[in-house]
């Protein structure tokens, strides 16, 4: 009688071990993916939240110019006119049309006015439709309509002026020009001219110089 080999063939054992190792490997990868990574559902949820957030934020981002950018642009234009007057040694005339929101400049050459050679001033500049000039305070008083004239002198001096810009939300930006130093400052609040000092009559009488012989 021949001996019966009860042990399974080597190929069957190898196949069984490979199958178990394969299952263990898949289980291990699945465990690592669940612990350290994101599932497809989690990724979809995150993308959905991002789309919803962008839908809320993007409408609030205005591509139009705001008060700050318009104010900085106007300050830069004022500076350029100041430098133009000093470099050419000629007085520069700035026209501001409050009603139309337009401003332009001319160079005084004797009794005539000439358009500046600077390309930025070849055509009048216009404010955005959402921003208008509320008023301009000049030495003659406050103007809320019409045209205002400002002069830039070869010495660097500028006519005193305070301009208030207003947007559709009634937010205000003030641009103030100091006449002597030519300094320019911006503020998100109105800048009113300083009040004149009122001297009471009794104090004014004491300040009077007595007339000799009286």
Protein backbone atom coordinates (compact mmCIF):
# COMPACT_ATOMS: atom_id res chain seq x y z
CA UNK A 1 0.00 0.00 0.00
CA UNK A 2 1.36 3.39 -0.95
CA UNK A 3 1.61 6.14 1.59
CA UNK A 4 -1.09 8.84 1.41
CA UNK A 5 0.22 12.38 1.69
CA UNK A 6 -2.29 14.30 3.85
CA UNK A 7 -0.43 17.62 3.69
CA UNK A 8 -1.90 20.21 1.26
CA UNK A 9 0.18 21.01 -1.74
CA UNK A 10 2.66 23.82 -1.41
CA UNK A 11 0.93 25.88 -4.13
CA UNK A 12 -2.36 25.80 -2.19
CA UNK A 13 -0.63 26.94 1.01
CA UNK A 14 1.13 29.77 -0.81
CA UNK A 15 -2.12 30.89 -2.40
CA UNK A 16 -3.90 30.86 0.95
CA UNK A 17 -1.13 32.86 2.65
CA UNK A 18 -1.12 35.41 -0.23
CA UNK A 19 -4.91 35.80 0.06
CA UNK A 20 -4.69 36.44 3.81
CA UNK A 21 -1.82 38.89 3.37
CA UNK A 22 -3.76 40.70 0.66
CA UNK A 23 -6.81 41.07 2.89
CA UNK A 24 -4.66 42.30 5.78
CA UNK A 25 -2.97 44.82 3.49
CA UNK A 26 -6.28 46.18 2.23
CA UNK A 27 -7.62 46.39 5.77
CA UNK A 28 -4.47 48.21 6.91
CA UNK A 29 -4.66 50.71 4.03
CA UNK A 30 -8.34 51.33 4.70
CA UNK A 31 -7.61 51.92 8.37
CA UNK A 32 -4.80 54.38 7.55
CA UNK A 33 -6.97 56.21 5.01
CA UNK A 34 -9.81 56.57 7.49
CA UNK A 35 -7.48 57.74 10.29
CA UNK A 36 -5.14 60.13 8.46
CA UNK A 37 -6.87 61.02 5.18
CA UNK A 38 -10.28 62.09 3.92
CA UNK A 39 -13.01 60.00 2.41
CA UNK A 40 -14.73 61.04 -0.80
CA UNK A 41 -17.82 62.09 1.14
CA UNK A 42 -15.75 64.32 3.42
CA UNK A 43 -14.06 65.95 0.43
CA UNK A 44 -17.44 66.58 -1.21
CA UNK A 45 -18.74 68.17 2.01
CA UNK A 46 -15.69 70.45 2.24
CA UNK A 47 -16.06 71.52 -1.39
CA UNK A 48 -19.76 72.20 -0.85
CA UNK A 49 -18.96 74.40 2.15
CA UNK A 50 -16.30 76.30 0.18
CA UNK A 51 -18.72 76.95 -2.67
CA UNK A 52 -21.31 78.23 -0.21
CA UNK A 53 -18.75 80.50 1.47
CA UNK A 54 -17.63 81.94 -1.87
CA UNK A 55 -21.26 82.59 -2.75
CA UNK A 56 -21.56 84.74 0.38
CA UNK A 57 -18.23 86.56 0.12
CA UNK A 58 -17.94 87.28 -3.61
CA UNK A 59 -21.05 89.49 -3.91
CA UNK A 60 -19.61 91.70 -1.15
CA UNK A 61 -16.36 92.25 -3.03
CA UNK A 62 -16.90 95.31 -5.20
CA UNK A 63 -14.77 95.66 -8.29
CA UNK A 64 -15.60 99.35 -8.43
CA UNK A 65 -13.34 101.99 -6.94
CA UNK A 66 -14.06 102.84 -3.32
CA UNK A 67 -13.61 106.06 -1.38
CA UNK A 68 -10.11 105.16 -0.26
CA UNK A 69 -8.78 104.40 -3.74
CA UNK A 70 -10.43 107.50 -5.24
CA UNK A 71 -9.05 109.64 -2.43
CA UNK A 72 -5.52 108.31 -2.87
CA UNK A 73 -5.77 108.92 -6.61
CA UNK A 74 -6.85 112.52 -6.07
CA UNK A 75 -4.05 113.11 -3.58
CA UNK A 76 -1.59 111.75 -6.13
CA UNK A 77 -3.02 114.09 -8.77
CA UNK A 78 -2.69 117.07 -6.45
CA UNK A 79 0.92 116.12 -5.77
CA UNK A 80 1.62 115.85 -9.49
CA UNK A 81 0.22 119.36 -10.08
CA UNK A 82 2.33 120.71 -7.24
CA UNK A 83 5.47 119.21 -8.77
CA UNK A 84 4.40 120.45 -12.21
CA UNK A 85 4.15 124.04 -10.96
CA UNK A 86 7.54 123.84 -9.27
CA UNK A 87 9.31 122.19 -12.22
CA UNK A 88 7.92 124.55 -14.86
CA UNK A 89 8.01 127.60 -12.55
CA UNK A 90 4.53 128.45 -13.75
CA UNK A 91 1.25 128.67 -11.89
CA UNK A 92 -1.08 125.71 -12.47
CA UNK A 93 -4.84 126.24 -12.44
CA UNK A 94 -7.05 123.36 -11.26
CA UNK A 95 -10.74 123.44 -12.16
CA UNK A 96 -13.20 121.28 -10.19
CA UNK A 97 -16.78 120.89 -11.42
CA UNK A 98 -18.72 119.74 -8.35
CA UNK A 99 -21.97 118.95 -10.18
CA UNK A 100 -20.40 116.73 -12.83
CA UNK A 101 -17.60 115.28 -10.67
CA UNK A 102 -15.00 116.35 -13.23
CA UNK A 103 -11.67 118.11 -12.71
CA UNK A 104 -8.92 119.27 -15.07
CA UNK A 105 -5.85 121.50 -15.03
CA UNK A 106 -4.27 124.24 -17.13
CA UNK A 107 -0.87 125.96 -17.02
CA UNK A 108 -0.85 129.75 -16.86
CA UNK A 109 1.57 131.09 -19.45
CA UNK A 110 1.35 134.86 -19.34
CA UNK A 111 -2.24 135.78 -20.16
CA UNK A 112 -2.99 132.40 -21.71
CA UNK A 113 -3.76 128.94 -20.41
CA UNK A 114 -2.22 125.84 -21.93
CA UNK A 115 -2.94 122.16 -21.49
CA UNK A 116 -0.16 120.41 -19.55
CA UNK A 117 2.11 118.14 -21.56
CA UNK A 118 1.66 115.40 -18.95
CA UNK A 119 -0.48 112.67 -20.60
CA UNK A 120 -2.44 112.24 -17.36
CA UNK A 121 -3.90 115.74 -17.77
CA UNK A 122 -4.57 115.81 -21.51
CA UNK A 123 -8.26 115.10 -20.87
CA UNK A 124 -10.49 115.94 -17.88
CA UNK A 125 -10.61 113.36 -15.09
CA UNK A 126 -13.97 112.03 -13.91
CA UNK A 127 -14.99 110.53 -10.58
CA UNK A 128 -16.72 107.11 -10.53
CA UNK A 129 -20.52 107.21 -10.75
CA UNK A 130 -20.84 105.87 -7.19
CA UNK A 131 -18.79 108.72 -5.70
CA UNK A 132 -19.58 112.42 -5.79
CA UNK A 133 -18.19 115.64 -4.35
CA UNK A 134 -20.30 116.67 -1.38
CA UNK A 135 -18.72 120.10 -0.91
CA UNK A 136 -15.43 121.98 -1.07
CA UNK A 137 -14.29 124.43 1.60
CA UNK A 138 -12.13 127.21 0.18
CA UNK A 139 -11.02 130.58 1.49
CA UNK A 140 -14.20 132.17 0.09
CA UNK A 141 -16.41 129.73 1.98
CA UNK A 142 -18.15 126.39 1.35
CA UNK A 143 -19.34 125.48 -2.13
CA UNK A 144 -21.76 122.60 -2.74
CA UNK A 145 -22.30 123.16 -6.46
CA UNK A 146 -20.78 124.95 -9.40
CA UNK A 147 -17.07 125.25 -10.14
CA UNK A 148 -14.14 125.71 -7.78
CA UNK A 149 -10.75 127.09 -8.86
CA UNK A 150 -7.52 126.15 -7.08
CA UNK A 151 -4.03 127.41 -7.86
CA UNK A 152 -0.65 125.73 -7.50
CA UNK A 153 2.25 128.16 -7.33
CA UNK A 154 5.91 127.76 -8.40
CA UNK A 155 7.00 128.06 -4.76
CA UNK A 156 5.13 124.84 -3.90
CA UNK A 157 2.30 126.65 -2.14
CA UNK A 158 -1.28 125.53 -2.84
CA UNK A 159 -4.57 127.32 -2.26
CA UNK A 160 -6.18 126.12 0.93
CA UNK A 161 -9.05 123.72 0.32
CA UNK A 162 -10.92 120.86 1.99
CA UNK A 163 -12.88 118.50 -0.23
CA UNK A 164 -15.49 116.04 1.03
CA UNK A 165 -16.29 112.98 -1.07
CA UNK A 166 -19.38 110.85 -0.47
CA UNK A 167 -20.38 107.41 -1.75
CA UNK A 168 -23.76 105.69 -2.13
CA UNK A 169 -23.72 104.59 1.54
CA UNK A 170 -23.21 108.22 2.62
CA UNK A 171 -19.73 107.45 3.85
CA UNK A 172 -17.44 110.48 3.82
CA UNK A 173 -13.80 110.99 2.94
CA UNK A 174 -12.18 114.37 3.56
CA UNK A 175 -9.09 115.62 1.72
CA UNK A 176 -7.51 118.69 3.30
CA UNK A 177 -4.73 120.80 1.73
CA UNK A 178 -2.57 122.95 3.98
CA UNK A 179 -1.81 126.18 2.08
CA UNK A 180 1.65 127.02 3.41
CA UNK A 181 3.33 123.64 3.70
CA UNK A 182 1.32 121.97 0.92
CA UNK A 183 0.70 118.99 3.21
CA UNK A 184 -2.31 116.83 2.31
CA UNK A 185 -4.21 114.64 4.74
CA UNK A 186 -7.21 112.34 4.45
CA UNK A 187 -9.85 111.55 7.05
CA UNK A 188 -12.99 109.43 7.18
CA UNK A 189 -14.71 112.27 9.07
CA UNK A 190 -15.62 115.79 8.05
CA UNK A 191 -12.94 118.42 8.50
CA UNK A 192 -14.46 121.76 9.37
CA UNK A 193 -12.51 125.03 9.20
CA UNK A 194 -11.26 126.35 12.52
CA UNK A 195 -13.65 128.71 14.19
CA UNK A 196 -12.59 132.32 14.44
CA UNK A 197 -11.72 133.49 17.91
CA UNK A 198 -14.44 135.81 19.21
CA UNK A 199 -13.14 138.39 21.66
CA UNK A 200 -15.76 139.71 24.11
CA UNK A 201 -16.34 143.45 24.09
CA UNK A 202 -15.04 143.92 27.61
CA UNK A 203 -11.77 142.19 26.70
CA UNK A 204 -11.54 144.12 23.42
CA UNK A 205 -11.81 147.38 25.37
CA UNK A 206 -8.86 146.40 27.53
CA UNK A 207 -6.77 145.56 24.45
CA UNK A 208 -7.26 148.98 22.92
CA UNK A 209 -4.19 151.20 23.00
CA UNK A 210 -4.95 154.36 24.93
CA UNK A 211 -4.73 157.54 22.89
CA UNK A 212 -1.97 159.88 24.10
CA UNK A 213 -3.27 162.95 25.90
CA UNK A 214 -6.63 161.40 26.64
